[in-house]
Amino acid sequence: MVPLGLGMMCVYPLIGRLIDRFDARGLTGCGALLLLVGTVILVVLAYGDLNVALLTIALLLRGGGPSAFRR
């Protein structure tokens, strides 16, 4: 659960500045893409051997993805 929280804490403070610079629609799409990549990594891990480094990366991505949806 720690990587989920760290991913959210890293992305959430930047969202305000990124929305001012870029389109909110693009950031939402980027957040959805982060969630998708994190989910694909989790699916790969479910069918293969457990790799803690990949699990951590997947959880970081899944924590940072939903943060892009908030404003």
C-alpha atoms as a PDB file:
ATOM      1  CA  MET A   1       0.000   0.000   0.000  1.00  0.00           C
ATOM      2  CA  VAL A   2       2.951   2.344   0.519  1.00  0.00           C
ATOM      3  CA  PRO A   3       3.779   2.604  -3.217  1.00  0.00           C
ATOM      4  CA  LEU A   4       0.151   3.561  -3.939  1.00  0.00           C
ATOM      5  CA  GLY A   5       0.360   6.416  -1.459  1.00  0.00           C
ATOM      6  CA  LEU A   6       3.768   7.514  -2.712  1.00  0.00           C
ATOM      7  CA  GLY A   7       2.535   7.588  -6.291  1.00  0.00           C
ATOM      8  CA  MET A   8      -0.393   9.743  -5.284  1.00  0.00           C
ATOM      9  CA  MET A   9       1.757  12.052  -3.153  1.00  0.00           C
ATOM     10  CA  CYS A  10       4.216  12.564  -6.017  1.00  0.00           C
ATOM     11  CA  VAL A  11       1.622  13.389  -8.671  1.00  0.00           C
ATOM     12  CA  TYR A  12      -1.082  15.222  -6.728  1.00  0.00           C
ATOM     13  CA  PRO A  13       0.890  18.428  -5.913  1.00  0.00           C
ATOM     14  CA  LEU A  14       1.881  18.846  -9.568  1.00  0.00           C
ATOM     15  CA  ILE A  15      -1.622  18.643 -11.020  1.00  0.00           C
ATOM     16  CA  GLY A  16      -2.511  22.290 -10.475  1.00  0.00           C
ATOM     17  CA  ARG A  17       0.551  23.533 -12.334  1.00  0.00           C
ATOM     18  CA  LEU A  18       0.143  20.944 -15.078  1.00  0.00           C
ATOM     19  CA  ILE A  19      -3.496  21.895 -15.657  1.00  0.00           C
ATOM     20  CA  ASP A  20      -2.473  25.543 -15.971  1.00  0.00           C
ATOM     21  CA  ARG A  21       0.089  24.599 -18.589  1.00  0.00           C
ATOM     22  CA  PHE A  22      -1.700  21.783 -20.432  1.00  0.00           C
ATOM     23  CA  ASP A  23      -5.287  20.804 -21.145  1.00  0.00           C
ATOM     24  CA  ALA A  24      -7.183  19.041 -18.347  1.00  0.00           C
ATOM     25  CA  ARG A  25      -8.463  16.502 -20.880  1.00  0.00           C
ATOM     26  CA  GLY A  26      -4.910  15.501 -21.765  1.00  0.00           C
ATOM     27  CA  LEU A  27      -3.980  15.050 -18.124  1.00  0.00           C
ATOM     28  CA  THR A  28      -7.022  12.881 -17.547  1.00  0.00           C
ATOM     29  CA  GLY A  29      -6.020  10.755 -20.516  1.00  0.00           C
ATOM     30  CA  CYS A  30      -2.494  10.510 -19.162  1.00  0.00           C
ATOM     31  CA  GLY A  31      -3.869   9.393 -15.787  1.00  0.00           C
ATOM     32  CA  ALA A  32      -5.963   6.727 -17.494  1.00  0.00           C
ATOM     33  CA  LEU A  33      -2.893   5.573 -19.394  1.00  0.00           C
ATOM     34  CA  LEU A  34      -0.934   5.283 -16.129  1.00  0.00           C
ATOM     35  CA  LEU A  35      -3.725   3.176 -14.668  1.00  0.00           C
ATOM     36  CA  LEU A  36      -3.801   0.966 -17.753  1.00  0.00           C
ATOM     37  CA  VAL A  37      -0.042   0.374 -17.718  1.00  0.00           C
ATOM     38  CA  GLY A  38      -0.123  -0.415 -13.998  1.00  0.00           C
ATOM     39  CA  THR A  39      -2.982  -2.855 -14.521  1.00  0.00           C
ATOM     40  CA  VAL A  40      -1.212  -4.606 -17.400  1.00  0.00           C
ATOM     41  CA  ILE A  41       1.862  -5.067 -15.210  1.00  0.00           C
ATOM     42  CA  LEU A  42      -0.316  -6.553 -12.468  1.00  0.00           C
ATOM     43  CA  VAL A  43      -1.916  -8.959 -14.948  1.00  0.00           C
ATOM     44  CA  VAL A  44       1.524 -10.050 -16.158  1.00  0.00           C
ATOM     45  CA  LEU A  45       2.586 -10.614 -12.550  1.00  0.00           C
ATOM     46  CA  ALA A  46      -0.576 -12.636 -11.859  1.00  0.00           C
ATOM     47  CA  TYR A  47       0.275 -15.114 -14.610  1.00  0.00           C
ATOM     48  CA  GLY A  48       4.011 -15.242 -13.969  1.00  0.00           C
ATOM     49  CA  ASP A  49       6.413 -15.183 -11.085  1.00  0.00           C
ATOM     50  CA  LEU A  50       6.230 -12.461  -8.467  1.00  0.00           C
ATOM     51  CA  ASN A  51       8.791  -9.726  -9.025  1.00  0.00           C
ATOM     52  CA  VAL A  52       8.771  -7.192  -6.203  1.00  0.00           C
ATOM     53  CA  ALA A  53      10.326  -4.436  -8.319  1.00  0.00           C
ATOM     54  CA  LEU A  54       7.617  -4.763 -10.992  1.00  0.00           C
ATOM     55  CA  LEU A  55       4.948  -4.898  -8.307  1.00  0.00           C
ATOM     56  CA  THR A  56       6.267  -1.670  -6.794  1.00  0.00           C
ATOM     57  CA  ILE A  57       6.300   0.057 -10.185  1.00  0.00           C
ATOM     58  CA  ALA A  58       2.760  -1.120 -10.922  1.00  0.00           C
ATOM     59  CA  LEU A  59       1.509   0.177  -7.583  1.00  0.00           C
ATOM     60  CA  LEU A  60       3.285   3.530  -8.074  1.00  0.00           C
ATOM     61  CA  LEU A  61       1.598   3.911 -11.457  1.00  0.00           C
ATOM     62  CA  ARG A  62      -1.793   2.910 -10.079  1.00  0.00           C
ATOM     63  CA  GLY A  63      -1.380   5.424  -7.262  1.00  0.00           C
ATOM     64  CA  GLY A  64      -0.356   8.255  -9.549  1.00  0.00           C
ATOM     65  CA  GLY A  65      -2.981   7.624 -12.219  1.00  0.00           C
ATOM     66  CA  PRO A  66      -6.099   8.572 -10.259  1.00  0.00           C
ATOM     67  CA  SER A  67      -4.360  11.675  -8.935  1.00  0.00           C
ATOM     68  CA  ALA A  68      -4.491  13.105 -12.457  1.00  0.00           C
ATOM     69  CA  PHE A  69      -8.314  12.943 -12.323  1.00  0.00           C
ATOM     70  CA  ARG A  70      -8.580  15.326  -9.387  1.00  0.00           C
ATOM     71  CA  ARG A  71      -8.584  19.095  -9.602  1.00  0.00           C
END
